[in-house]
């Protein structure tokens, strides 16, 4: 509720000062103006349904130690952890754009 109240106060202050924006973006999603696309008859705030997200991960491994002069056959802890990072990199989340509520936005 607090974030909403802050936005209301900021909006009121900007109106009081006569500030008018040419456009507004919220993480890449614009507010469309009347006539900007077929079927848009007034301001429309797009819902961003296909934005790229992110994840922060902490990876660790426990493995017996060794020496570079005689590495274990599987490459050891560094190789195992590197392979896990490569596996994460090679399996991104699939794009589901066009399979959700955004479809109706492009039907016109």
N, C-alpha and C. Protein backbone atom coordinates (compact mmCIF):
# COMPACT_ATOMS: atom_id res chain seq x y z
N UNK A 1 0.82 -1.19 0.00
CA UNK A 1 0.00 0.00 0.00
C UNK A 1 0.87 1.26 0.00
N UNK A 2 2.03 1.19 0.66
CA UNK A 2 2.91 2.36 0.74
C UNK A 2 3.44 2.76 -0.63
N UNK A 3 3.81 1.76 -1.45
CA UNK A 3 4.33 2.10 -2.79
C UNK A 3 3.27 2.83 -3.59
N UNK A 4 2.01 2.43 -3.43
CA UNK A 4 0.93 3.08 -4.17
C UNK A 4 0.77 4.53 -3.70
N UNK A 5 0.79 4.75 -2.40
CA UNK A 5 0.64 6.10 -1.85
C UNK A 5 1.77 7.01 -2.32
N UNK A 6 2.99 6.47 -2.38
CA UNK A 6 4.13 7.27 -2.87
C UNK A 6 3.92 7.65 -4.33
N UNK A 7 3.44 6.72 -5.13
CA UNK A 7 3.20 7.01 -6.54
C UNK A 7 2.12 8.07 -6.71
N UNK A 8 1.09 8.01 -5.88
CA UNK A 8 0.03 9.02 -5.95
C UNK A 8 0.60 10.39 -5.63
N UNK A 9 1.44 10.49 -4.61
CA UNK A 9 2.04 11.79 -4.23
C UNK A 9 2.97 12.30 -5.33
N UNK A 10 3.78 11.42 -5.90
CA UNK A 10 4.69 11.83 -6.98
C UNK A 10 3.89 12.31 -8.18
N UNK A 11 2.83 11.57 -8.54
CA UNK A 11 1.99 11.96 -9.67
C UNK A 11 1.36 13.32 -9.44
N UNK A 12 0.84 13.55 -8.23
CA UNK A 12 0.22 14.85 -7.91
C UNK A 12 1.24 15.97 -8.01
N UNK A 13 2.45 15.75 -7.53
CA UNK A 13 3.49 16.78 -7.59
C UNK A 13 3.88 17.09 -9.03
N UNK A 14 4.02 16.06 -9.86
CA UNK A 14 4.37 16.29 -11.26
C UNK A 14 3.26 17.05 -11.98
N UNK A 15 2.01 16.72 -11.70
CA UNK A 15 0.89 17.46 -12.31
C UNK A 15 0.91 18.92 -11.87
N UNK A 16 1.17 19.14 -10.58
CA UNK A 16 1.22 20.50 -10.05
C UNK A 16 2.30 21.33 -10.74
N UNK A 17 3.43 20.69 -11.06
CA UNK A 17 4.53 21.39 -11.73
C UNK A 17 4.33 21.50 -13.23
N UNK A 18 3.30 20.84 -13.76
CA UNK A 18 3.04 20.90 -15.20
C UNK A 18 3.95 20.00 -16.02
N UNK A 19 4.54 19.01 -15.40
CA UNK A 19 5.43 18.09 -16.10
C UNK A 19 4.60 17.15 -16.96
N UNK A 20 4.99 17.06 -18.24
CA UNK A 20 4.33 16.14 -19.17
C UNK A 20 5.41 15.31 -19.85
N UNK A 21 5.25 14.02 -19.82
CA UNK A 21 6.24 13.12 -20.40
C UNK A 21 5.90 12.81 -21.84
N UNK A 22 6.91 12.68 -22.68
CA UNK A 22 6.70 12.28 -24.07
C UNK A 22 6.32 10.81 -24.12
N UNK A 23 6.87 10.01 -23.25
CA UNK A 23 6.53 8.60 -23.15
C UNK A 23 6.96 8.11 -21.78
N UNK A 24 6.49 6.93 -21.42
CA UNK A 24 6.84 6.33 -20.15
C UNK A 24 7.09 4.85 -20.37
N UNK A 25 8.11 4.34 -19.75
CA UNK A 25 8.39 2.92 -19.84
C UNK A 25 8.53 2.34 -18.44
N UNK A 26 8.00 1.16 -18.27
CA UNK A 26 8.13 0.43 -17.02
C UNK A 26 8.76 -0.90 -17.37
N UNK A 27 10.05 -1.00 -17.20
CA UNK A 27 10.79 -2.21 -17.52
C UNK A 27 10.55 -2.65 -18.96
N UNK A 28 10.47 -1.69 -19.85
CA UNK A 28 10.35 -2.02 -21.25
C UNK A 28 8.94 -2.02 -21.81
N UNK A 29 7.93 -1.81 -20.97
CA UNK A 29 6.55 -1.84 -21.45
C UNK A 29 6.00 -0.43 -21.53
N UNK A 30 5.66 0.03 -22.72
CA UNK A 30 5.16 1.40 -22.89
C UNK A 30 3.69 1.54 -22.58
N UNK A 31 3.27 2.78 -22.45
CA UNK A 31 1.85 3.12 -22.41
C UNK A 31 1.52 3.63 -23.80
N UNK A 32 0.65 2.91 -24.50
CA UNK A 32 0.30 3.26 -25.88
C UNK A 32 -0.69 4.41 -25.89
N UNK A 33 -0.55 5.31 -26.86
CA UNK A 33 -1.47 6.42 -27.02
C UNK A 33 -2.56 6.05 -28.02
N UNK A 34 -3.65 6.78 -27.98
CA UNK A 34 -4.78 6.58 -28.89
C UNK A 34 -4.30 6.60 -30.33
N UNK A 35 -4.69 5.59 -31.08
CA UNK A 35 -4.34 5.53 -32.49
C UNK A 35 -2.96 4.98 -32.80
N UNK A 36 -2.18 4.63 -31.78
CA UNK A 36 -0.82 4.14 -32.05
C UNK A 36 -0.83 2.74 -32.66
N UNK A 37 -1.88 1.97 -32.40
CA UNK A 37 -2.07 0.65 -32.99
C UNK A 37 -3.56 0.49 -33.28
N UNK A 38 -3.92 -0.31 -34.27
CA UNK A 38 -5.34 -0.54 -34.53
C UNK A 38 -6.02 -1.08 -33.27
N UNK A 39 -7.17 -0.52 -32.95
CA UNK A 39 -7.92 -0.97 -31.79
C UNK A 39 -7.58 -0.24 -30.50
N UNK A 40 -6.55 0.60 -30.51
CA UNK A 40 -6.19 1.38 -29.33
C UNK A 40 -6.94 2.70 -29.38
N UNK A 41 -7.93 2.85 -28.51
CA UNK A 41 -8.78 4.03 -28.52
C UNK A 41 -8.50 4.98 -27.36
N UNK A 42 -7.49 4.72 -26.61
CA UNK A 42 -7.11 5.56 -25.48
C UNK A 42 -5.82 5.03 -24.89
N UNK A 43 -5.32 5.66 -23.84
CA UNK A 43 -4.07 5.17 -23.24
C UNK A 43 -4.20 3.72 -22.76
N UNK A 44 -3.24 2.90 -23.15
CA UNK A 44 -3.25 1.49 -22.76
C UNK A 44 -1.87 1.15 -22.20
N UNK A 45 -1.84 0.75 -20.94
CA UNK A 45 -0.59 0.28 -20.33
C UNK A 45 -0.42 -1.20 -20.61
N UNK A 46 0.65 -1.54 -21.31
CA UNK A 46 0.87 -2.95 -21.65
C UNK A 46 1.34 -3.73 -20.44
N UNK A 47 0.89 -4.95 -20.36
CA UNK A 47 1.35 -5.85 -19.31
C UNK A 47 2.50 -6.66 -19.89
N UNK A 48 3.64 -6.57 -19.29
CA UNK A 48 4.82 -7.26 -19.83
C UNK A 48 4.79 -8.72 -19.42
N UNK A 49 4.42 -9.55 -20.36
CA UNK A 49 4.28 -10.97 -20.07
C UNK A 49 5.46 -11.79 -20.59
N UNK A 50 6.38 -11.15 -21.28
CA UNK A 50 7.49 -11.91 -21.85
C UNK A 50 8.83 -11.26 -21.51
N UNK A 51 8.89 -10.60 -20.38
CA UNK A 51 10.15 -9.99 -20.01
C UNK A 51 11.13 -11.05 -19.55
N UNK A 52 12.37 -10.76 -19.81
CA UNK A 52 13.42 -11.68 -19.40
C UNK A 52 13.68 -11.48 -17.92
N UNK A 53 13.64 -12.52 -17.19
CA UNK A 53 13.92 -12.46 -15.76
C UNK A 53 15.35 -12.87 -15.48
N UNK A 54 15.67 -13.01 -14.23
CA UNK A 54 17.00 -13.45 -13.87
C UNK A 54 16.93 -14.23 -12.57
N UNK A 55 17.96 -14.96 -12.31
CA UNK A 55 18.06 -15.72 -11.06
C UNK A 55 19.49 -15.60 -10.57
N UNK A 56 19.64 -15.50 -9.29
CA UNK A 56 20.96 -15.50 -8.68
C UNK A 56 21.13 -16.83 -7.97
N UNK A 57 22.21 -17.51 -8.26
CA UNK A 57 22.45 -18.83 -7.67
C UNK A 57 23.82 -18.87 -7.03
N UNK A 58 23.90 -19.66 -6.00
CA UNK A 58 25.20 -19.91 -5.37
C UNK A 58 25.44 -21.40 -5.51
N UNK A 59 26.46 -21.75 -6.26
CA UNK A 59 26.80 -23.15 -6.47
C UNK A 59 28.03 -23.50 -5.66
N UNK A 60 28.00 -24.64 -5.04
CA UNK A 60 29.19 -25.11 -4.31
C UNK A 60 29.28 -26.61 -4.47
N UNK A 61 30.44 -27.12 -4.20
CA UNK A 61 30.66 -28.56 -4.34
C UNK A 61 31.62 -29.00 -3.25
N UNK A 62 31.38 -30.18 -2.76
CA UNK A 62 32.32 -30.80 -1.81
C UNK A 62 32.89 -32.03 -2.49
N UNK A 63 34.20 -32.07 -2.56
CA UNK A 63 34.88 -33.17 -3.24
C UNK A 63 36.26 -33.29 -2.62
N UNK A 64 36.80 -34.46 -2.65
CA UNK A 64 38.14 -34.63 -2.07
C UNK A 64 39.17 -33.81 -2.86
N UNK A 65 40.16 -33.34 -2.16
CA UNK A 65 41.21 -32.53 -2.78
C UNK A 65 42.12 -33.37 -3.67
N UNK A 66 43.03 -32.70 -4.30
CA UNK A 66 43.96 -33.38 -5.18
C UNK A 66 45.09 -32.44 -5.55
N UNK A 67 45.80 -32.81 -6.57
CA UNK A 67 46.93 -32.01 -7.03
C UNK A 67 46.90 -31.97 -8.55
N UNK A 68 47.26 -30.82 -9.10
CA UNK A 68 47.22 -30.64 -10.56
C UNK A 68 48.13 -31.62 -11.29
N UNK A 69 49.16 -32.13 -10.63
CA UNK A 69 50.06 -33.07 -11.30
C UNK A 69 49.43 -34.46 -11.44
N UNK A 70 48.37 -34.72 -10.65
CA UNK A 70 47.69 -36.02 -10.74
C UNK A 70 46.19 -35.82 -10.56
N UNK A 71 45.54 -35.17 -11.53
CA UNK A 71 44.10 -34.90 -11.38
C UNK A 71 43.28 -36.19 -11.43
N UNK A 72 42.14 -36.18 -10.75
CA UNK A 72 41.29 -37.37 -10.80
C UNK A 72 40.72 -37.56 -12.21
N UNK A 73 40.32 -38.79 -12.54
CA UNK A 73 39.82 -39.06 -13.89
C UNK A 73 38.64 -38.18 -14.31
N UNK A 74 37.77 -37.80 -13.37
CA UNK A 74 36.60 -36.99 -13.73
C UNK A 74 36.91 -35.50 -13.75
N UNK A 75 38.15 -35.12 -13.51
CA UNK A 75 38.56 -33.72 -13.54
C UNK A 75 38.50 -33.03 -12.20
N UNK A 76 37.86 -33.63 -11.23
CA UNK A 76 37.82 -33.05 -9.90
C UNK A 76 36.72 -32.02 -9.74
N UNK A 77 36.78 -31.35 -8.60
CA UNK A 77 35.73 -30.42 -8.19
C UNK A 77 35.55 -29.27 -9.18
N UNK A 78 36.64 -28.70 -9.66
CA UNK A 78 36.53 -27.57 -10.58
C UNK A 78 35.82 -27.98 -11.86
N UNK A 79 36.17 -29.13 -12.40
CA UNK A 79 35.54 -29.62 -13.62
C UNK A 79 34.07 -29.92 -13.39
N UNK A 80 33.75 -30.54 -12.26
CA UNK A 80 32.36 -30.86 -11.95
C UNK A 80 31.52 -29.58 -11.82
N UNK A 81 32.05 -28.58 -11.13
CA UNK A 81 31.33 -27.32 -10.97
C UNK A 81 31.22 -26.59 -12.31
N UNK A 82 32.28 -26.61 -13.10
CA UNK A 82 32.23 -26.00 -14.43
C UNK A 82 31.18 -26.66 -15.30
N UNK A 83 31.08 -27.96 -15.24
CA UNK A 83 30.06 -28.68 -16.03
C UNK A 83 28.65 -28.30 -15.58
N UNK A 84 28.46 -28.08 -14.28
CA UNK A 84 27.15 -27.66 -13.79
C UNK A 84 26.80 -26.27 -14.33
N UNK A 85 27.76 -25.37 -14.36
CA UNK A 85 27.53 -24.02 -14.89
C UNK A 85 27.21 -24.08 -16.38
N UNK A 86 27.94 -24.89 -17.11
CA UNK A 86 27.68 -25.05 -18.55
C UNK A 86 26.29 -25.64 -18.78
N UNK A 87 25.89 -26.61 -17.96
CA UNK A 87 24.56 -27.20 -18.10
C UNK A 87 23.47 -26.16 -17.86
N UNK A 88 23.65 -25.29 -16.87
CA UNK A 88 22.69 -24.21 -16.62
C UNK A 88 22.63 -23.26 -17.82
N UNK A 89 23.78 -22.92 -18.35
CA UNK A 89 23.86 -22.02 -19.50
C UNK A 89 23.16 -22.62 -20.72
N UNK A 90 23.31 -23.91 -20.92
CA UNK A 90 22.78 -24.57 -22.12
C UNK A 90 21.31 -24.96 -22.01
N UNK A 91 20.68 -24.70 -20.88
CA UNK A 91 19.27 -25.06 -20.73
C UNK A 91 18.47 -23.85 -20.21
N UNK A 92 18.37 -22.79 -21.03
CA UNK A 92 17.60 -21.61 -20.59
C UNK A 92 16.11 -21.92 -20.55
N UNK A 93 15.37 -21.09 -19.85
CA UNK A 93 13.92 -21.22 -19.82
C UNK A 93 13.40 -20.98 -21.24
N UNK A 94 12.45 -21.79 -21.69
CA UNK A 94 11.91 -21.60 -23.04
C UNK A 94 11.03 -20.36 -23.12
N UNK A 95 10.98 -19.77 -24.29
CA UNK A 95 10.09 -18.64 -24.51
C UNK A 95 8.67 -19.16 -24.66
N UNK A 96 7.76 -18.59 -23.88
CA UNK A 96 6.35 -18.96 -23.98
C UNK A 96 5.52 -17.83 -24.58
N UNK A 97 6.22 -16.85 -25.18
CA UNK A 97 5.53 -15.73 -25.80
C UNK A 97 4.60 -16.23 -26.89
N UNK A 98 3.37 -15.74 -26.90
CA UNK A 98 2.39 -16.17 -27.88
C UNK A 98 1.51 -17.29 -27.38
N UNK A 99 1.71 -17.69 -26.13
CA UNK A 99 0.93 -18.78 -25.56
C UNK A 99 0.15 -18.33 -24.32
N UNK A 100 0.13 -17.02 -24.07
CA UNK A 100 -0.53 -16.52 -22.87
C UNK A 100 -1.49 -15.40 -23.17
N UNK A 101 -1.71 -14.56 -22.16
CA UNK A 101 -2.70 -13.49 -22.29
C UNK A 101 -2.29 -12.40 -23.28
N UNK A 102 -1.01 -12.38 -23.67
CA UNK A 102 -0.55 -11.35 -24.60
C UNK A 102 -1.09 -11.56 -26.01
N UNK A 103 -1.60 -12.73 -26.32
CA UNK A 103 -2.09 -13.04 -27.68
C UNK A 103 -3.17 -12.06 -28.10
N UNK A 104 -4.11 -11.77 -27.20
CA UNK A 104 -5.22 -10.88 -27.56
C UNK A 104 -4.74 -9.47 -27.88
N UNK A 105 -3.57 -9.07 -27.36
CA UNK A 105 -3.05 -7.74 -27.63
C UNK A 105 -2.68 -7.58 -29.11
N UNK A 106 -2.37 -8.67 -29.78
CA UNK A 106 -1.93 -8.59 -31.17
C UNK A 106 -2.98 -9.08 -32.16
N UNK A 107 -4.20 -9.32 -31.72
CA UNK A 107 -5.22 -9.87 -32.60
C UNK A 107 -5.81 -8.85 -33.57
N UNK A 108 -5.66 -7.57 -33.33
CA UNK A 108 -6.30 -6.56 -34.18
C UNK A 108 -5.58 -6.39 -35.48
